Protein backbone atom coordinates (compact mmCIF):
# COMPACT_ATOMS: atom_id res chain seq x y z
CA UNK A 1 16.45 17.34 -18.12
CA UNK A 2 13.03 16.38 -18.36
CA UNK A 3 13.49 13.95 -15.74
CA UNK A 4 13.02 15.15 -12.50
CA UNK A 5 15.68 13.38 -9.57
CA UNK A 6 13.44 11.48 -8.80
CA UNK A 7 11.63 10.18 -12.13
CA UNK A 8 12.09 6.98 -13.82
CA UNK A 9 13.66 6.37 -17.24
CA UNK A 10 13.09 2.78 -18.76
CA UNK A 11 14.16 1.86 -21.60
CA UNK A 12 12.89 -1.31 -23.58
CA UNK A 13 14.29 -3.34 -26.52
CA UNK A 14 12.85 -2.90 -30.13
CA UNK A 15 12.47 -5.15 -33.25
CA UNK A 16 11.98 -2.10 -35.30
CA UNK A 17 15.29 0.74 -36.83
CA UNK A 18 13.66 3.53 -34.61
CA UNK A 19 13.86 5.66 -31.67
CA UNK A 20 11.37 6.31 -30.24
CA UNK A 21 10.78 8.74 -26.62
CA UNK A 22 7.74 9.45 -24.68
CA UNK A 23 7.68 10.82 -21.84
CA UNK A 24 4.95 10.57 -18.88
CA UNK A 25 4.10 13.03 -16.43
CA UNK A 26 2.70 11.99 -13.51
CA UNK A 27 2.25 8.41 -12.32
CA UNK A 28 1.41 5.59 -14.45
CA UNK A 29 0.28 2.51 -13.99
CA UNK A 30 0.50 -1.14 -15.78
CA UNK A 31 -3.34 -2.30 -17.02
CA UNK A 32 -4.51 -5.34 -16.36
CA UNK A 33 -5.69 -6.77 -13.15
CA UNK A 34 -3.79 -9.29 -10.55
CA UNK A 35 -6.48 -11.44 -10.27
CA UNK A 36 -9.47 -11.86 -12.30
CA UNK A 37 -10.85 -11.68 -9.05
CA UNK A 38 -10.52 -8.28 -8.56
CA UNK A 39 -13.19 -7.38 -11.25
CA UNK A 40 -16.35 -6.31 -9.93
CA UNK A 41 -17.97 -5.56 -13.55
CA UNK A 42 -17.45 -8.33 -15.67
CA UNK A 43 -19.03 -6.86 -18.34
CA UNK A 44 -17.25 -3.92 -18.61
CA UNK A 45 -14.22 -5.52 -17.15
CA UNK A 46 -13.73 -3.26 -14.65
CA UNK A 47 -13.20 -3.00 -11.32
CA UNK A 48 -15.33 0.33 -9.62
CA UNK A 49 -14.82 0.12 -5.74
CA UNK A 50 -16.89 2.39 -3.26
CA UNK A 51 -14.41 4.17 -0.63
CA UNK A 52 -11.61 2.27 -0.82
CA UNK A 53 -8.45 2.29 1.25
CA UNK A 54 -5.48 2.64 -1.12
CA UNK A 55 -1.94 1.77 0.25
CA UNK A 56 1.20 3.42 -1.26
CA UNK A 57 4.51 2.36 -0.31
CA UNK A 58 8.43 1.69 -1.61
CA UNK A 59 8.78 -1.36 0.44
CA UNK A 60 8.47 -4.99 -1.00
CA UNK A 61 4.94 -7.08 1.26
CA UNK A 62 6.11 -10.15 1.43
CA UNK A 63 3.71 -11.02 4.46
CA UNK A 64 0.83 -9.47 5.23
CA UNK A 65 1.58 -9.36 9.10
CA UNK A 66 4.29 -6.52 7.59
CA UNK A 67 1.22 -3.82 7.73
CA UNK A 68 -1.04 -4.88 10.08
């Protein structure tokens, strides 16, 4: 009832004996960078971009030619 039809349920193994439930509304992204070259401010470990283009897809992109 708390997850919509297009929602995602993730189960994770625990080393303890407690059961936990975290409900996240909206979108959630894993933290971190795929490459250290994405970081523009190494002091703050941030990637600050002006007017970036963002591609959102539900398909796997194996080759750059697929989207050009």
